[in-house]
Amino acid sequence: MNATTAWELLGLTGIILFFAGLHMLWQAREEFLFWLEEYFRLLRLSVRGTVQQVPVAPPRIRMERKHTLRMVIGMLLAFIAAPMLLTLGLAMVWLSRRGG
């Protein structure tokens, strides 16, 4: 197995990790929407300048949070680990074919 094949496998691993991350995000889509809603609610309160007036108990009953870790790992795989591996693999294939 030559060096180019190893780097191509690294890039392929990055692509597979990207799709694995997207799959995990799809499984935790309700959780993702919950945190997006919470973020915009807090952003809206901070823009209004009423952050100190945030109630201790939320006004409506929240569903149980079970898949937050799945969402975070999915985001890590899809948006950080996979692009890094793919970029590294492509760069090294390009360098090895260039003769550098």
N, C-alpha and C. Protein backbone atom coordinates (compact mmCIF):
# COMPACT_ATOMS: atom_id res chain seq x y z
N MET A 1 0.86 -1.18 0.00
CA MET A 1 0.00 0.00 0.00
C MET A 1 0.90 1.23 0.00
N ASN A 2 0.75 2.06 -1.01
CA ASN A 2 1.61 3.24 -1.09
C ASN A 2 1.01 4.41 -0.30
N ALA A 3 1.76 5.50 -0.25
CA ALA A 3 1.36 6.64 0.59
C ALA A 3 0.09 7.30 0.07
N THR A 4 -0.06 7.35 -1.26
CA THR A 4 -1.25 7.99 -1.82
C THR A 4 -2.51 7.24 -1.39
N THR A 5 -2.46 5.93 -1.39
CA THR A 5 -3.62 5.14 -1.00
C THR A 5 -3.97 5.39 0.47
N ALA A 6 -2.97 5.52 1.32
CA ALA A 6 -3.23 5.79 2.74
C ALA A 6 -3.91 7.15 2.91
N TRP A 7 -3.46 8.15 2.17
CA TRP A 7 -4.06 9.47 2.29
C TRP A 7 -5.46 9.49 1.68
N GLU A 8 -5.67 8.71 0.62
CA GLU A 8 -7.02 8.61 0.06
C GLU A 8 -7.97 7.96 1.06
N LEU A 9 -7.48 6.96 1.80
CA LEU A 9 -8.30 6.34 2.84
C LEU A 9 -8.63 7.33 3.96
N LEU A 10 -7.69 8.21 4.27
CA LEU A 10 -7.95 9.23 5.29
C LEU A 10 -9.05 10.18 4.82
N GLY A 11 -9.01 10.58 3.55
CA GLY A 11 -10.07 11.43 3.00
C GLY A 11 -11.41 10.71 2.96
N LEU A 12 -11.39 9.43 2.61
CA LEU A 12 -12.62 8.65 2.61
C LEU A 12 -13.18 8.51 4.02
N THR A 13 -12.31 8.35 4.99
CA THR A 13 -12.75 8.30 6.39
C THR A 13 -13.42 9.61 6.78
N GLY A 14 -12.87 10.74 6.31
CA GLY A 14 -13.50 12.04 6.58
C GLY A 14 -14.89 12.13 6.01
N ILE A 15 -15.08 11.61 4.79
CA ILE A 15 -16.42 11.63 4.17
C ILE A 15 -17.38 10.76 4.96
N ILE A 16 -16.93 9.58 5.37
CA ILE A 16 -17.79 8.68 6.15
C ILE A 16 -18.15 9.30 7.50
N LEU A 17 -17.18 9.95 8.14
CA LEU A 17 -17.47 10.62 9.42
C LEU A 17 -18.46 11.76 9.24
N PHE A 18 -18.38 12.47 8.12
CA PHE A 18 -19.33 13.55 7.85
C PHE A 18 -20.75 13.00 7.79
N PHE A 19 -20.93 11.92 7.05
CA PHE A 19 -22.28 11.35 6.94
C PHE A 19 -22.73 10.71 8.25
N ALA A 20 -21.81 10.16 9.02
CA ALA A 20 -22.17 9.63 10.34
C ALA A 20 -22.64 10.76 11.26
N GLY A 21 -21.94 11.91 11.19
CA GLY A 21 -22.36 13.06 11.98
C GLY A 21 -23.72 13.59 11.57
N LEU A 22 -23.97 13.64 10.25
CA LEU A 22 -25.29 14.07 9.79
C LEU A 22 -26.38 13.11 10.24
N HIS A 23 -26.07 11.82 10.24
CA HIS A 23 -27.04 10.83 10.70
C HIS A 23 -27.35 11.03 12.19
N MET A 24 -26.33 11.28 12.99
CA MET A 24 -26.55 11.51 14.42
C MET A 24 -27.35 12.80 14.64
N LEU A 25 -27.07 13.83 13.83
CA LEU A 25 -27.86 15.06 13.95
C LEU A 25 -29.31 14.82 13.56
N TRP A 26 -29.54 13.99 12.54
CA TRP A 26 -30.92 13.71 12.14
C TRP A 26 -31.65 12.96 13.25
N GLN A 27 -30.96 12.05 13.93
CA GLN A 27 -31.59 11.32 15.03
C GLN A 27 -31.92 12.24 16.20
N ALA A 28 -31.17 13.30 16.38
CA ALA A 28 -31.39 14.22 17.50
C ALA A 28 -31.97 15.55 17.00
N ARG A 29 -32.79 15.49 15.96
CA ARG A 29 -33.29 16.75 15.36
C ARG A 29 -34.20 17.52 16.30
N GLU A 30 -35.00 16.84 17.12
CA GLU A 30 -35.85 17.57 18.07
C GLU A 30 -34.99 18.30 19.10
N GLU A 31 -33.93 17.64 19.53
CA GLU A 31 -33.00 18.25 20.49
C GLU A 31 -32.31 19.46 19.87
N PHE A 32 -31.92 19.32 18.61
CA PHE A 32 -31.27 20.42 17.91
C PHE A 32 -32.21 21.62 17.81
N LEU A 33 -33.47 21.37 17.47
CA LEU A 33 -34.44 22.46 17.38
C LEU A 33 -34.69 23.09 18.75
N PHE A 34 -34.70 22.27 19.81
CA PHE A 34 -34.89 22.81 21.15
C PHE A 34 -33.76 23.78 21.50
N TRP A 35 -32.50 23.37 21.27
CA TRP A 35 -31.38 24.23 21.63
C TRP A 35 -31.31 25.46 20.73
N LEU A 36 -31.71 25.33 19.49
CA LEU A 36 -31.77 26.50 18.60
C LEU A 36 -32.82 27.50 19.09
N GLU A 37 -33.95 26.97 19.51
CA GLU A 37 -35.01 27.83 20.06
C GLU A 37 -34.55 28.51 21.35
N GLU A 38 -33.89 27.76 22.23
CA GLU A 38 -33.37 28.34 23.47
C GLU A 38 -32.33 29.42 23.19
N TYR A 39 -31.46 29.17 22.23
CA TYR A 39 -30.43 30.16 21.89
C TYR A 39 -31.08 31.46 21.42
N PHE A 40 -32.05 31.36 20.53
CA PHE A 40 -32.70 32.58 20.03
C PHE A 40 -33.53 33.26 21.11
N ARG A 41 -34.09 32.49 22.03
CA ARG A 41 -34.84 33.10 23.13
C ARG A 41 -33.89 33.92 24.02
N LEU A 42 -32.73 33.33 24.35
CA LEU A 42 -31.76 34.06 25.17
C LEU A 42 -31.16 35.24 24.43
N LEU A 43 -30.94 35.08 23.13
CA LEU A 43 -30.42 36.19 22.33
C LEU A 43 -31.42 37.34 22.30
N ARG A 44 -32.69 37.00 22.13
CA ARG A 44 -33.73 38.04 22.11
C ARG A 44 -33.80 38.76 23.46
N LEU A 45 -33.68 38.00 24.56
CA LEU A 45 -33.70 38.62 25.88
C LEU A 45 -32.48 39.50 26.11
N SER A 46 -31.32 39.07 25.60
CA SER A 46 -30.12 39.88 25.81
C SER A 46 -30.14 41.15 24.97
N VAL A 47 -30.75 41.08 23.79
CA VAL A 47 -30.85 42.29 22.96
C VAL A 47 -31.81 43.29 23.61
N ARG A 48 -32.87 42.78 24.22
CA ARG A 48 -33.80 43.67 24.91
C ARG A 48 -33.22 44.23 26.20
N GLY A 49 -32.19 43.58 26.71
CA GLY A 49 -31.57 44.04 27.95
C GLY A 49 -32.29 43.55 29.18
N THR A 50 -33.03 42.45 29.06
CA THR A 50 -33.78 41.92 30.19
C THR A 50 -33.25 40.56 30.62
N VAL A 51 -31.95 40.35 30.53
CA VAL A 51 -31.37 39.06 30.91
C VAL A 51 -31.56 38.79 32.39
N GLN A 52 -31.52 39.83 33.23
CA GLN A 52 -31.66 39.63 34.67
C GLN A 52 -33.08 39.22 35.03
N GLN A 53 -34.02 39.44 34.15
CA GLN A 53 -35.41 39.13 34.45
C GLN A 53 -35.84 37.75 33.94
N VAL A 54 -34.87 36.91 33.55
CA VAL A 54 -35.20 35.58 33.08
C VAL A 54 -35.76 34.77 34.24
N PRO A 55 -36.93 34.18 34.07
CA PRO A 55 -37.51 33.41 35.18
C PRO A 55 -36.68 32.17 35.46
N VAL A 56 -36.70 31.74 36.73
CA VAL A 56 -35.95 30.56 37.13
C VAL A 56 -36.55 29.31 36.50
N ALA A 57 -37.86 29.19 36.53
CA ALA A 57 -38.55 28.05 35.92
C ALA A 57 -39.05 28.47 34.54
N PRO A 58 -38.86 27.65 33.54
CA PRO A 58 -39.35 28.00 32.21
C PRO A 58 -40.87 28.08 32.20
N PRO A 59 -41.42 28.95 31.37
CA PRO A 59 -42.87 29.16 31.38
C PRO A 59 -43.66 27.94 30.92
N ARG A 60 -43.10 27.12 30.05
CA ARG A 60 -43.84 25.94 29.60
C ARG A 60 -43.03 24.69 29.96
N ILE A 61 -43.69 23.59 30.00
CA ILE A 61 -43.04 22.35 30.38
C ILE A 61 -42.18 21.85 29.22
N ARG A 62 -40.93 21.57 29.53
CA ARG A 62 -39.98 21.09 28.52
C ARG A 62 -40.02 19.56 28.48
N MET A 63 -39.88 19.02 27.28
CA MET A 63 -39.76 17.57 27.21
C MET A 63 -38.39 17.14 27.73
N GLU A 64 -38.30 15.92 28.15
CA GLU A 64 -37.06 15.44 28.75
C GLU A 64 -35.92 15.46 27.73
N ARG A 65 -34.77 15.97 28.14
CA ARG A 65 -33.60 16.07 27.26
C ARG A 65 -32.83 14.77 27.31
N LYS A 66 -32.88 13.98 26.25
CA LYS A 66 -32.20 12.70 26.26
C LYS A 66 -31.08 12.60 25.23
N HIS A 67 -31.11 13.39 24.19
CA HIS A 67 -30.20 13.19 23.07
C HIS A 67 -29.25 14.36 22.84
N THR A 68 -28.96 15.11 23.87
CA THR A 68 -28.06 16.24 23.72
C THR A 68 -26.65 15.78 23.37
N LEU A 69 -26.17 14.73 24.02
CA LEU A 69 -24.83 14.22 23.73
C LEU A 69 -24.74 13.72 22.29
N ARG A 70 -25.78 13.05 21.81
CA ARG A 70 -25.81 12.60 20.42
C ARG A 70 -25.73 13.78 19.47
N MET A 71 -26.41 14.86 19.79
CA MET A 71 -26.39 16.05 18.95
C MET A 71 -24.99 16.67 18.94
N VAL A 72 -24.36 16.77 20.10
CA VAL A 72 -23.03 17.39 20.19
C VAL A 72 -21.99 16.54 19.45
N ILE A 73 -22.05 15.23 19.61
CA ILE A 73 -21.10 14.37 18.91
C ILE A 73 -21.34 14.43 17.41
N GLY A 74 -22.59 14.49 17.00
CA GLY A 74 -22.90 14.62 15.57
C GLY A 74 -22.36 15.91 14.99
N MET A 75 -22.50 17.01 15.73
CA MET A 75 -21.96 18.28 15.26
C MET A 75 -20.44 18.24 15.21
N LEU A 76 -19.82 17.61 16.20
CA LEU A 76 -18.36 17.48 16.20
C LEU A 76 -17.88 16.68 15.00
N LEU A 77 -18.53 15.56 14.72
CA LEU A 77 -18.11 14.74 13.59
C LEU A 77 -18.36 15.44 12.26
N ALA A 78 -19.55 16.02 12.10
CA ALA A 78 -19.92 16.57 10.80
C ALA A 78 -19.23 17.89 10.49
N PHE A 79 -18.98 18.70 11.48
CA PHE A 79 -18.49 20.06 11.20
C PHE A 79 -17.05 20.32 11.63
N ILE A 80 -16.44 19.41 12.38
CA ILE A 80 -15.05 19.64 12.80
C ILE A 80 -14.14 18.49 12.35
N ALA A 81 -14.43 17.26 12.80
CA ALA A 81 -13.52 16.14 12.53
C ALA A 81 -13.51 15.76 11.05
N ALA A 82 -14.67 15.63 10.44
CA ALA A 82 -14.73 15.21 9.04
C ALA A 82 -14.07 16.20 8.09
N PRO A 83 -14.36 17.51 8.18
CA PRO A 83 -13.66 18.43 7.28
C PRO A 83 -12.16 18.46 7.49
N MET A 84 -11.70 18.28 8.74
CA MET A 84 -10.25 18.26 8.97
C MET A 84 -9.62 17.05 8.30
N LEU A 85 -10.21 15.87 8.47
CA LEU A 85 -9.66 14.67 7.85
C LEU A 85 -9.72 14.74 6.34
N LEU A 86 -10.83 15.23 5.80
CA LEU A 86 -10.97 15.34 4.35
C LEU A 86 -9.96 16.31 3.78
N THR A 87 -9.79 17.45 4.41
CA THR A 87 -8.82 18.44 3.94
C THR A 87 -7.40 17.91 4.04
N LEU A 88 -7.08 17.26 5.14
CA LEU A 88 -5.74 16.69 5.29
C LEU A 88 -5.49 15.61 4.24
N GLY A 89 -6.46 14.75 4.02
CA GLY A 89 -6.30 13.70 3.02
C GLY A 89 -6.13 14.26 1.62
N LEU A 90 -6.95 15.24 1.25
CA LEU A 90 -6.83 15.84 -0.08
C LEU A 90 -5.51 16.57 -0.26
N ALA A 91 -5.09 17.28 0.77
CA ALA A 91 -3.82 18.01 0.68
C ALA A 91 -2.64 17.05 0.53
N MET A 92 -2.65 15.98 1.28
CA MET A 92 -1.54 15.04 1.20
C MET A 92 -1.55 14.27 -0.12
N VAL A 93 -2.71 13.94 -0.66
CA VAL A 93 -2.76 13.31 -1.99
C VAL A 93 -2.22 14.27 -3.02
N TRP A 94 -2.61 15.53 -2.93
CA TRP A 94 -2.12 16.52 -3.89
C TRP A 94 -0.61 16.69 -3.79
N LEU A 95 -0.10 16.72 -2.57
CA LEU A 95 1.34 16.86 -2.39
C LEU A 95 2.11 15.62 -2.86
N SER A 96 1.56 14.44 -2.61
CA SER A 96 2.27 13.23 -3.01
C SER A 96 2.26 13.05 -4.53
N ARG A 97 1.21 13.48 -5.20
CA ARG A 97 1.16 13.39 -6.66
C ARG A 97 2.00 14.48 -7.32
N ARG A 98 2.18 15.56 -6.60
CA ARG A 98 2.97 16.66 -7.12
C ARG A 98 4.48 16.35 -7.00
N GLY A 99 4.79 15.45 -6.13
CA GLY A 99 6.19 15.07 -5.95
C GLY A 99 6.84 15.75 -4.78
N GLY A 100 6.03 16.37 -3.88
CA GLY A 100 6.61 17.11 -2.77
C GLY A 100 6.66 16.37 -1.50
